[in-house]
Amino acid sequence: MRIVLASKSPRRKELLSNLGLKFEVIESGIEEYSNEKHPSKYVMDLSFHKAMAVAKKLNEEAVVIGADTVVVVDDKVLEKPKDREEAYTMLKSLQGRFHTVYTGITVVRAQDFKYVRDFEETKVWIKKLEDEEIFNYIDTGECYDKAGAYAIQGFGALIVEKIEGDYFNVVGLPISKLFDILKREFGIRLL
């Protein structure tokens, strides 16, 4: 069966490639907006809209995977920083405590639009940092296209002290949950 990733995220693409999975990428092109207030519902809603937008473009046997990730601290959703100042503010607010990373995932079968959506949450602790360290991290450039302004799989590994939960969720795609959904709901076995 054809597998399509409805995401332009290089991290999600890399995670699926690391599994040896044959898939293609088709970006949804949707505006990322949701009226949902709770982070778990917010990311599931966005993942659903991404996956469904791509599924509607296909007229053959295929499953489409959509995902969306946000960082939440003090009930505030942090998406991707717009500039250096916003990245600094985000990283400053995350340091020395836990925050939560939510990823919503939706899998849609294109021929009949059967879908399953779910989410994963992971707690992440960013260590206390000096301002110079925060700015040096920002200067790596990897913070700008990442929710919460850090990438755990890059230089961000230097600032993450510990996590509770699924590491791959923090990267942007809860692989174990995806494996279960594909197997249980769509009969696609990755192992």
N, C-alpha and C. Protein backbone atom coordinates (compact mmCIF):
# COMPACT_ATOMS: atom_id res chain seq x y z
N MET A 1 0.84 -1.18 0.00
CA MET A 1 0.00 0.00 0.00
C MET A 1 0.88 1.24 0.00
N ARG A 2 0.46 2.26 -0.73
CA ARG A 2 1.18 3.52 -0.81
C ARG A 2 1.07 4.24 0.53
N ILE A 3 2.19 4.73 1.03
CA ILE A 3 2.22 5.48 2.28
C ILE A 3 2.71 6.89 1.97
N VAL A 4 1.95 7.88 2.45
CA VAL A 4 2.25 9.28 2.18
C VAL A 4 2.39 10.03 3.50
N LEU A 5 3.45 10.80 3.62
CA LEU A 5 3.65 11.67 4.77
C LEU A 5 3.21 13.07 4.37
N ALA A 6 2.21 13.59 5.08
CA ALA A 6 1.67 14.92 4.79
C ALA A 6 2.39 15.96 5.63
N SER A 7 3.69 16.08 5.41
CA SER A 7 4.49 16.98 6.23
C SER A 7 5.75 17.37 5.48
N LYS A 8 6.17 18.62 5.65
CA LYS A 8 7.43 19.05 5.06
C LYS A 8 8.59 18.93 6.05
N SER A 9 8.30 18.41 7.24
CA SER A 9 9.32 18.31 8.29
C SER A 9 10.43 17.33 7.91
N PRO A 10 11.66 17.82 7.83
CA PRO A 10 12.77 16.91 7.54
C PRO A 10 12.97 15.87 8.65
N ARG A 11 12.60 16.24 9.89
CA ARG A 11 12.76 15.30 10.99
C ARG A 11 11.79 14.13 10.86
N ARG A 12 10.55 14.41 10.52
CA ARG A 12 9.58 13.32 10.34
C ARG A 12 9.99 12.42 9.17
N LYS A 13 10.44 13.05 8.12
CA LYS A 13 10.90 12.29 6.96
C LYS A 13 12.07 11.38 7.35
N GLU A 14 13.01 11.92 8.11
CA GLU A 14 14.17 11.14 8.54
C GLU A 14 13.76 9.98 9.45
N LEU A 15 12.82 10.22 10.36
CA LEU A 15 12.38 9.15 11.26
C LEU A 15 11.77 8.00 10.48
N LEU A 16 10.92 8.31 9.50
CA LEU A 16 10.31 7.24 8.69
C LEU A 16 11.36 6.56 7.81
N SER A 17 12.29 7.32 7.27
CA SER A 17 13.36 6.73 6.45
C SER A 17 14.22 5.78 7.26
N ASN A 18 14.48 6.13 8.53
CA ASN A 18 15.29 5.28 9.38
C ASN A 18 14.67 3.91 9.62
N LEU A 19 13.35 3.82 9.42
CA LEU A 19 12.66 2.53 9.57
C LEU A 19 12.73 1.70 8.28
N GLY A 20 13.29 2.28 7.24
CA GLY A 20 13.35 1.59 5.96
C GLY A 20 12.00 1.58 5.26
N LEU A 21 11.12 2.44 5.68
CA LEU A 21 9.77 2.50 5.14
C LEU A 21 9.78 3.20 3.78
N LYS A 22 9.09 2.62 2.82
CA LYS A 22 8.94 3.25 1.51
C LYS A 22 7.72 4.16 1.58
N PHE A 23 7.95 5.45 1.39
CA PHE A 23 6.88 6.43 1.49
C PHE A 23 7.24 7.63 0.62
N GLU A 24 6.27 8.48 0.41
CA GLU A 24 6.52 9.72 -0.31
C GLU A 24 5.99 10.88 0.52
N VAL A 25 6.44 12.06 0.21
CA VAL A 25 6.03 13.26 0.93
C VAL A 25 5.16 14.11 0.00
N ILE A 26 3.99 14.47 0.51
CA ILE A 26 3.12 15.43 -0.18
C ILE A 26 2.69 16.44 0.89
N GLU A 27 3.12 17.66 0.73
CA GLU A 27 2.77 18.70 1.71
C GLU A 27 1.28 19.02 1.60
N SER A 28 0.69 19.30 2.75
CA SER A 28 -0.75 19.58 2.79
C SER A 28 -1.08 20.97 2.24
N GLY A 29 -0.19 21.92 2.49
CA GLY A 29 -0.43 23.28 2.02
C GLY A 29 -1.51 24.02 2.80
N ILE A 30 -1.97 23.46 3.91
CA ILE A 30 -3.03 24.12 4.68
C ILE A 30 -2.45 25.21 5.57
N GLU A 31 -3.29 26.15 5.93
CA GLU A 31 -2.92 27.13 6.94
C GLU A 31 -3.05 26.44 8.29
N GLU A 32 -2.03 26.50 9.11
CA GLU A 32 -2.03 25.80 10.39
C GLU A 32 -2.76 26.64 11.43
N TYR A 33 -4.04 26.33 11.58
CA TYR A 33 -4.87 27.05 12.54
C TYR A 33 -5.93 26.11 13.09
N SER A 34 -6.19 26.22 14.38
CA SER A 34 -7.23 25.43 15.02
C SER A 34 -7.89 26.26 16.11
N ASN A 35 -9.20 26.05 16.31
CA ASN A 35 -9.92 26.70 17.40
C ASN A 35 -9.81 25.94 18.70
N GLU A 36 -9.25 24.74 18.63
CA GLU A 36 -9.11 23.92 19.84
C GLU A 36 -8.18 24.59 20.84
N LYS A 37 -8.56 24.57 22.10
CA LYS A 37 -7.77 25.23 23.14
C LYS A 37 -6.81 24.29 23.85
N HIS A 38 -7.25 23.04 24.13
CA HIS A 38 -6.36 22.11 24.83
C HIS A 38 -5.29 21.62 23.86
N PRO A 39 -4.03 21.62 24.29
CA PRO A 39 -2.95 21.25 23.38
C PRO A 39 -3.12 19.89 22.70
N SER A 40 -3.61 18.89 23.42
CA SER A 40 -3.77 17.58 22.79
C SER A 40 -4.80 17.63 21.67
N LYS A 41 -5.89 18.34 21.89
CA LYS A 41 -6.92 18.48 20.85
C LYS A 41 -6.41 19.36 19.70
N TYR A 42 -5.65 20.38 20.04
CA TYR A 42 -5.09 21.30 19.05
C TYR A 42 -4.21 20.54 18.05
N VAL A 43 -3.26 19.75 18.56
CA VAL A 43 -2.34 19.03 17.66
C VAL A 43 -3.06 17.92 16.90
N MET A 44 -4.05 17.27 17.53
CA MET A 44 -4.81 16.25 16.79
C MET A 44 -5.61 16.90 15.67
N ASP A 45 -6.18 18.06 15.95
CA ASP A 45 -6.97 18.77 14.94
C ASP A 45 -6.09 19.15 13.75
N LEU A 46 -4.93 19.73 14.02
CA LEU A 46 -4.04 20.12 12.92
C LEU A 46 -3.52 18.90 12.15
N SER A 47 -3.18 17.83 12.86
CA SER A 47 -2.71 16.63 12.17
C SER A 47 -3.81 16.06 11.28
N PHE A 48 -5.05 16.12 11.75
CA PHE A 48 -6.19 15.64 10.97
C PHE A 48 -6.35 16.46 9.69
N HIS A 49 -6.31 17.78 9.82
CA HIS A 49 -6.51 18.64 8.64
C HIS A 49 -5.39 18.44 7.62
N LYS A 50 -4.16 18.27 8.09
CA LYS A 50 -3.04 18.01 7.18
C LYS A 50 -3.24 16.69 6.43
N ALA A 51 -3.53 15.64 7.18
CA ALA A 51 -3.68 14.32 6.56
C ALA A 51 -4.88 14.28 5.62
N MET A 52 -5.99 14.85 6.03
CA MET A 52 -7.20 14.81 5.20
C MET A 52 -7.03 15.64 3.93
N ALA A 53 -6.35 16.78 4.02
CA ALA A 53 -6.13 17.61 2.82
C ALA A 53 -5.35 16.82 1.77
N VAL A 54 -4.37 16.06 2.18
CA VAL A 54 -3.59 15.26 1.23
C VAL A 54 -4.40 14.06 0.76
N ALA A 55 -5.11 13.39 1.66
CA ALA A 55 -5.92 12.22 1.28
C ALA A 55 -6.94 12.59 0.20
N LYS A 56 -7.50 13.79 0.27
CA LYS A 56 -8.50 14.22 -0.71
C LYS A 56 -7.89 14.44 -2.09
N LYS A 57 -6.58 14.61 -2.16
CA LYS A 57 -5.90 14.79 -3.45
C LYS A 57 -5.63 13.46 -4.14
N LEU A 58 -5.71 12.37 -3.38
CA LEU A 58 -5.37 11.05 -3.90
C LEU A 58 -6.63 10.30 -4.29
N ASN A 59 -6.55 9.51 -5.33
CA ASN A 59 -7.70 8.70 -5.71
C ASN A 59 -7.28 7.25 -5.89
N GLU A 60 -6.44 6.80 -5.02
CA GLU A 60 -5.96 5.43 -5.08
C GLU A 60 -5.75 4.89 -3.67
N GLU A 61 -5.40 3.63 -3.61
CA GLU A 61 -5.18 2.98 -2.33
C GLU A 61 -3.93 3.56 -1.67
N ALA A 62 -4.12 4.25 -0.57
CA ALA A 62 -3.00 4.88 0.12
C ALA A 62 -3.40 5.22 1.55
N VAL A 63 -2.41 5.29 2.42
CA VAL A 63 -2.64 5.85 3.76
C VAL A 63 -1.79 7.09 3.88
N VAL A 64 -2.36 8.10 4.52
CA VAL A 64 -1.70 9.38 4.67
C VAL A 64 -1.46 9.62 6.16
N ILE A 65 -0.25 10.04 6.49
CA ILE A 65 0.13 10.31 7.88
C ILE A 65 0.30 11.81 8.04
N GLY A 66 -0.46 12.38 8.97
CA GLY A 66 -0.32 13.79 9.31
C GLY A 66 0.13 13.92 10.76
N ALA A 67 0.90 14.94 11.05
CA ALA A 67 1.38 15.16 12.43
C ALA A 67 1.56 16.64 12.68
N ASP A 68 1.46 17.01 13.95
CA ASP A 68 1.73 18.38 14.37
C ASP A 68 2.26 18.35 15.79
N THR A 69 3.25 19.18 16.08
CA THR A 69 3.91 19.19 17.39
C THR A 69 3.91 20.60 17.96
N VAL A 70 3.61 20.70 19.26
CA VAL A 70 3.74 21.97 19.98
C VAL A 70 4.41 21.71 21.33
N VAL A 71 4.95 22.78 21.88
CA VAL A 71 5.55 22.78 23.21
C VAL A 71 4.63 23.62 24.09
N VAL A 72 4.38 23.14 25.31
CA VAL A 72 3.48 23.86 26.22
C VAL A 72 4.18 24.08 27.55
N VAL A 73 4.15 25.34 28.01
CA VAL A 73 4.68 25.70 29.32
C VAL A 73 3.71 26.71 29.93
N ASP A 74 3.35 26.50 31.18
CA ASP A 74 2.40 27.38 31.87
C ASP A 74 1.11 27.56 31.07
N ASP A 75 0.61 26.48 30.51
CA ASP A 75 -0.62 26.49 29.70
C ASP A 75 -0.52 27.36 28.45
N LYS A 76 0.69 27.74 28.06
CA LYS A 76 0.89 28.54 26.86
C LYS A 76 1.53 27.66 25.78
N VAL A 77 0.94 27.69 24.60
CA VAL A 77 1.46 26.92 23.47
C VAL A 77 2.58 27.71 22.80
N LEU A 78 3.74 27.05 22.67
CA LEU A 78 4.87 27.64 21.97
C LEU A 78 5.04 26.90 20.65
N GLU A 79 4.93 27.64 19.57
CA GLU A 79 5.15 27.02 18.27
C GLU A 79 6.56 27.40 17.81
N LYS A 80 6.75 27.69 16.56
CA LYS A 80 8.07 28.05 16.05
C LYS A 80 8.33 29.54 16.28
N PRO A 81 9.52 29.90 16.76
CA PRO A 81 9.79 31.32 16.99
C PRO A 81 9.92 32.09 15.68
N LYS A 82 9.45 33.32 15.71
CA LYS A 82 9.49 34.15 14.50
C LYS A 82 10.84 34.83 14.30
N ASP A 83 11.55 35.07 15.43
CA ASP A 83 12.83 35.78 15.33
C ASP A 83 13.70 35.45 16.55
N ARG A 84 14.88 36.05 16.58
CA ARG A 84 15.87 35.80 17.64
C ARG A 84 15.31 36.15 19.02
N GLU A 85 14.61 37.27 19.11
CA GLU A 85 14.05 37.72 20.40
C GLU A 85 13.01 36.72 20.92
N GLU A 86 12.14 36.26 20.03
CA GLU A 86 11.12 35.30 20.45
C GLU A 86 11.75 33.96 20.83
N ALA A 87 12.79 33.54 20.11
CA ALA A 87 13.50 32.31 20.45
C ALA A 87 14.12 32.43 21.85
N TYR A 88 14.73 33.57 22.13
CA TYR A 88 15.33 33.81 23.45
C TYR A 88 14.26 33.74 24.54
N THR A 89 13.13 34.41 24.33
CA THR A 89 12.05 34.42 25.31
C THR A 89 11.55 33.01 25.57
N MET A 90 11.38 32.23 24.51
CA MET A 90 10.91 30.85 24.67
C MET A 90 11.90 30.02 25.48
N LEU A 91 13.17 30.06 25.07
CA LEU A 91 14.18 29.25 25.76
C LEU A 91 14.34 29.68 27.22
N LYS A 92 14.27 30.96 27.47
CA LYS A 92 14.37 31.46 28.85
C LYS A 92 13.21 30.92 29.70
N SER A 93 12.01 30.85 29.10
CA SER A 93 10.84 30.38 29.85
C SER A 93 10.87 28.87 30.09
N LEU A 94 11.62 28.14 29.28
CA LEU A 94 11.67 26.67 29.40
C LEU A 94 12.74 26.18 30.37
N GLN A 95 13.75 26.99 30.62
CA GLN A 95 14.90 26.50 31.38
C GLN A 95 14.60 26.24 32.85
N GLY A 96 15.28 25.25 33.39
CA GLY A 96 15.21 24.94 34.81
C GLY A 96 13.90 24.33 35.26
N ARG A 97 13.18 23.70 34.33
CA ARG A 97 11.89 23.09 34.70
C ARG A 97 11.38 22.21 33.57
N PHE A 98 10.31 21.49 33.88
CA PHE A 98 9.67 20.67 32.87
C PHE A 98 8.70 21.48 32.03
N HIS A 99 8.59 21.10 30.79
CA HIS A 99 7.51 21.55 29.91
C HIS A 99 7.00 20.29 29.19
N THR A 100 5.93 20.43 28.45
CA THR A 100 5.33 19.27 27.79
C THR A 100 5.34 19.46 26.28
N VAL A 101 5.73 18.40 25.59
CA VAL A 101 5.68 18.37 24.13
C VAL A 101 4.51 17.47 23.73
N TYR A 102 3.62 18.02 22.93
CA TYR A 102 2.48 17.28 22.40
C TYR A 102 2.66 17.09 20.90
N THR A 103 2.44 15.88 20.43
CA THR A 103 2.37 15.63 19.00
C THR A 103 1.07 14.92 18.70
N GLY A 104 0.30 15.51 17.79
CA GLY A 104 -0.91 14.86 17.30
C GLY A 104 -0.55 14.09 16.05
N ILE A 105 -1.18 12.93 15.89
CA ILE A 105 -0.93 12.10 14.72
C ILE A 105 -2.27 11.61 14.18
N THR A 106 -2.43 11.69 12.87
CA THR A 106 -3.63 11.20 12.20
C THR A 106 -3.20 10.35 11.02
N VAL A 107 -3.84 9.19 10.87
CA VAL A 107 -3.64 8.34 9.71
C VAL A 107 -4.98 8.22 9.00
N VAL A 108 -5.00 8.54 7.70
CA VAL A 108 -6.22 8.51 6.89
C VAL A 108 -6.03 7.53 5.73
N ARG A 109 -7.01 6.65 5.52
CA ARG A 109 -7.02 5.80 4.32
C ARG A 109 -7.72 6.58 3.23
N ALA A 110 -7.02 6.85 2.14
CA ALA A 110 -7.50 7.79 1.12
C ALA A 110 -8.76 7.31 0.40
N GLN A 111 -8.90 6.00 0.18
CA GLN A 111 -10.03 5.57 -0.64
C GLN A 111 -11.38 5.70 0.06
N ASP A 112 -11.43 5.64 1.38
CA ASP A 112 -12.73 5.78 2.06
C ASP A 112 -12.69 6.79 3.21
N PHE A 113 -11.56 7.44 3.40
CA PHE A 113 -11.36 8.47 4.42
C PHE A 113 -11.53 7.96 5.85
N LYS A 114 -11.37 6.64 6.03
CA LYS A 114 -11.31 6.12 7.40
C LYS A 114 -10.08 6.75 8.04
N TYR A 115 -10.24 7.22 9.28
CA TYR A 115 -9.09 7.83 9.93
C TYR A 115 -9.03 7.45 11.41
N VAL A 116 -7.82 7.54 11.91
CA VAL A 116 -7.56 7.37 13.34
C VAL A 116 -6.65 8.52 13.73
N ARG A 117 -7.01 9.16 14.83
CA ARG A 117 -6.13 10.21 15.32
C ARG A 117 -5.89 10.00 16.81
N ASP A 118 -4.72 10.44 17.23
CA ASP A 118 -4.30 10.25 18.61
C ASP A 118 -3.22 11.29 18.90
N PHE A 119 -2.71 11.26 20.11
CA PHE A 119 -1.62 12.18 20.47
C PHE A 119 -0.69 11.50 21.46
N GLU A 120 0.47 12.07 21.58
CA GLU A 120 1.46 11.63 22.56
C GLU A 120 1.94 12.87 23.29
N GLU A 121 2.27 12.70 24.56
CA GLU A 121 2.86 13.81 25.31
C GLU A 121 4.10 13.34 26.04
N THR A 122 5.09 14.21 26.08
CA THR A 122 6.37 13.91 26.71
C THR A 122 6.80 15.12 27.53
N LYS A 123 7.29 14.86 28.72
CA LYS A 123 7.82 15.93 29.57
C LYS A 123 9.32 16.09 29.30
N VAL A 124 9.75 17.34 29.16
CA VAL A 124 11.16 17.64 28.87
C VAL A 124 11.66 18.68 29.87
N TRP A 125 12.85 18.43 30.40
CA TRP A 125 13.50 19.37 31.33
C TRP A 125 14.68 20.01 30.63
N ILE A 126 14.63 21.34 30.48
CA ILE A 126 15.75 22.11 29.94
C ILE A 126 16.56 22.62 31.12
N LYS A 127 17.87 22.39 31.08
CA LYS A 127 18.72 22.82 32.20
C LYS A 127 18.81 24.34 32.28
N LYS A 128 19.22 24.84 33.43
CA LYS A 128 19.45 26.27 33.62
C LYS A 128 20.61 26.69 32.71
N LEU A 129 20.42 27.81 32.03
CA LEU A 129 21.42 28.28 31.07
C LEU A 129 21.78 29.74 31.33
N GLU A 130 23.01 30.07 31.04
CA GLU A 130 23.42 31.47 31.06
C GLU A 130 22.88 32.12 29.79
N ASP A 131 22.65 33.42 29.84
CA ASP A 131 22.16 34.11 28.64
C ASP A 131 23.08 33.88 27.44
N GLU A 132 24.39 33.90 27.69
CA GLU A 132 25.34 33.67 26.60
C GLU A 132 25.12 32.30 25.96
N GLU A 133 24.83 31.29 26.77
CA GLU A 133 24.57 29.95 26.24
C GLU A 133 23.29 29.93 25.41
N ILE A 134 22.28 30.64 25.87
CA ILE A 134 21.02 30.71 25.10
C ILE A 134 21.28 31.35 23.75
N PHE A 135 21.99 32.48 23.74
CA PHE A 135 22.26 33.15 22.47
C PHE A 135 23.17 32.32 21.57
N ASN A 136 24.14 31.62 22.16
CA ASN A 136 25.00 30.75 21.35
C ASN A 136 24.18 29.62 20.73
N TYR A 137 23.23 29.09 21.48
CA TYR A 137 22.36 28.05 20.92
C TYR A 137 21.51 28.64 19.78
N ILE A 138 20.93 29.80 20.01
CA ILE A 138 20.13 30.45 18.96
C ILE A 138 20.97 30.66 17.70
N ASP A 139 22.23 31.02 17.89
CA ASP A 139 23.12 31.29 16.75
C ASP A 139 23.43 30.03 15.93
N THR A 140 23.14 28.84 16.46
CA THR A 140 23.30 27.63 15.64
C THR A 140 22.27 27.62 14.51
N GLY A 141 21.18 28.36 14.69
CA GLY A 141 20.14 28.45 13.67
C GLY A 141 19.11 27.35 13.70
N GLU A 142 19.33 26.32 14.50
CA GLU A 142 18.39 25.20 14.46
C GLU A 142 17.08 25.47 15.20
N CYS A 143 17.01 26.55 15.92
CA CYS A 143 15.81 26.83 16.73
C CYS A 143 14.64 27.38 15.92
N TYR A 144 14.90 27.92 14.73
CA TYR A 144 13.87 28.70 14.05
C TYR A 144 12.72 27.90 13.45
N ASP A 145 12.91 26.66 13.12
CA ASP A 145 11.78 25.89 12.57
C ASP A 145 11.37 24.77 13.52
N LYS A 146 11.52 25.03 14.82
CA LYS A 146 11.19 24.03 15.84
C LYS A 146 10.24 24.61 16.88
N ALA A 147 9.21 23.86 17.20
CA ALA A 147 8.30 24.26 18.28
C ALA A 147 9.11 24.39 19.56
N GLY A 148 8.91 25.48 20.28
CA GLY A 148 9.63 25.70 21.53
C GLY A 148 11.05 26.20 21.35
N ALA A 149 11.50 26.37 20.12
CA ALA A 149 12.82 26.94 19.79
C ALA A 149 14.00 26.03 20.12
N TYR A 150 13.79 24.70 20.12
CA TYR A 150 14.94 23.81 20.30
C TYR A 150 14.70 22.49 19.57
N ALA A 151 15.80 21.83 19.25
CA ALA A 151 15.77 20.52 18.59
C ALA A 151 16.53 19.54 19.46
N ILE A 152 15.82 18.62 20.08
CA ILE A 152 16.45 17.66 20.98
C ILE A 152 17.47 16.79 20.26
N GLN A 153 17.29 16.59 18.95
CA GLN A 153 18.18 15.72 18.19
C GLN A 153 19.41 16.45 17.64
N GLY A 154 19.52 17.74 17.88
CA GLY A 154 20.65 18.51 17.39
C GLY A 154 21.45 19.08 18.55
N PHE A 155 21.87 20.35 18.40
CA PHE A 155 22.58 21.03 19.48
C PHE A 155 21.71 21.11 20.73
N GLY A 156 20.40 21.01 20.54
CA GLY A 156 19.48 21.03 21.68
C GLY A 156 19.73 19.92 22.67
N ALA A 157 20.38 18.85 22.23
CA ALA A 157 20.74 17.76 23.14
C ALA A 157 21.64 18.27 24.26
N LEU A 158 22.34 19.36 24.01
CA LEU A 158 23.24 19.94 25.03
C LEU A 158 22.47 20.65 26.13
N ILE A 159 21.24 21.07 25.85
CA ILE A 159 20.47 21.83 26.84
C ILE A 159 19.35 21.02 27.49
N VAL A 160 19.02 19.87 26.92
CA VAL A 160 17.99 19.00 27.51
C VAL A 160 18.65 18.13 28.57
N GLU A 161 18.16 18.24 29.80
CA GLU A 161 18.74 17.46 30.89
C GLU A 161 18.10 16.09 31.03
N LYS A 162 16.76 16.03 30.85
CA LYS A 162 16.07 14.74 30.97
C LYS A 162 14.70 14.82 30.31
N ILE A 163 14.15 13.64 30.01
CA ILE A 163 12.80 13.56 29.48
C ILE A 163 12.05 12.45 30.18
N GLU A 164 10.74 12.58 30.19
CA GLU A 164 9.86 11.53 30.69
C GLU A 164 8.86 11.23 29.58
N GLY A 165 9.07 10.10 28.90
CA GLY A 165 8.17 9.74 27.81
C GLY A 165 8.93 9.40 26.54
N ASP A 166 8.24 9.56 25.43
CA ASP A 166 8.72 9.14 24.12
C ASP A 166 9.67 10.19 23.51
N TYR A 167 10.93 9.81 23.35
CA TYR A 167 11.92 10.70 22.74
C TYR A 167 11.49 11.12 21.33
N PHE A 168 11.01 10.17 20.54
CA PHE A 168 10.66 10.46 19.15
C PHE A 168 9.48 11.42 19.05
N ASN A 169 8.65 11.45 20.07
CA ASN A 169 7.58 12.43 20.13
C ASN A 169 8.15 13.85 20.16
N VAL A 170 9.24 14.03 20.90
CA VAL A 170 9.88 15.34 21.01
C VAL A 170 10.50 15.73 19.66
N VAL A 171 11.00 14.75 18.93
CA VAL A 171 11.56 15.01 17.60
C VAL A 171 10.44 15.40 16.64
N GLY A 172 9.22 14.86 16.85
CA GLY A 172 8.09 15.28 16.02
C GLY A 172 7.19 14.18 15.49
N LEU A 173 7.48 12.90 15.84
CA LEU A 173 6.63 11.82 15.36
C LEU A 173 6.74 10.64 16.31
N PRO A 174 5.67 10.35 17.07
CA PRO A 174 5.71 9.22 18.00
C PRO A 174 5.66 7.90 17.23
N ILE A 175 6.83 7.38 16.90
CA ILE A 175 6.97 6.22 16.03
C ILE A 175 6.25 4.99 16.57
N SER A 176 6.37 4.71 17.86
CA SER A 176 5.73 3.53 18.43
C SER A 176 4.21 3.62 18.30
N LYS A 177 3.65 4.77 18.56
CA LYS A 177 2.20 4.97 18.41
C LYS A 177 1.79 4.81 16.95
N LEU A 178 2.58 5.37 16.03
CA LEU A 178 2.29 5.22 14.60
C LEU A 178 2.31 3.74 14.21
N PHE A 179 3.31 3.00 14.67
CA PHE A 179 3.42 1.56 14.41
C PHE A 179 2.14 0.85 14.84
N ASP A 180 1.67 1.15 16.04
CA ASP A 180 0.44 0.51 16.57
C ASP A 180 -0.79 0.85 15.73
N ILE A 181 -0.94 2.11 15.35
CA ILE A 181 -2.10 2.53 14.56
C ILE A 181 -2.09 1.86 13.19
N LEU A 182 -0.94 1.86 12.53
CA LEU A 182 -0.86 1.25 11.20
C LEU A 182 -1.19 -0.24 11.26
N LYS A 183 -0.67 -0.92 12.27
CA LYS A 183 -0.90 -2.36 12.40
C LYS A 183 -2.34 -2.67 12.79
N ARG A 184 -2.82 -2.05 13.85
CA ARG A 184 -4.14 -2.35 14.41
C ARG A 184 -5.29 -1.90 13.50
N GLU A 185 -5.18 -0.69 12.96
CA GLU A 185 -6.32 -0.11 12.24
C GLU A 185 -6.26 -0.28 10.72
N PHE A 186 -5.05 -0.47 10.17
CA PHE A 186 -4.94 -0.49 8.71
C PHE A 186 -4.26 -1.76 8.18
N GLY A 187 -3.88 -2.67 9.07
CA GLY A 187 -3.27 -3.92 8.66
C GLY A 187 -1.90 -3.77 8.02
N ILE A 188 -1.22 -2.67 8.31
CA ILE A 188 0.12 -2.43 7.78
C ILE A 188 1.13 -2.77 8.85
N ARG A 189 1.97 -3.74 8.57
CA ARG A 189 2.96 -4.19 9.55
C ARG A 189 4.33 -3.69 9.17
N LEU A 190 4.97 -3.00 10.08
CA LEU A 190 6.32 -2.49 9.84
C LEU A 190 7.37 -3.47 10.30
N LEU A 191 6.97 -4.44 11.10
CA LEU A 191 7.88 -5.52 11.54
C LEU A 191 7.33 -6.85 11.10
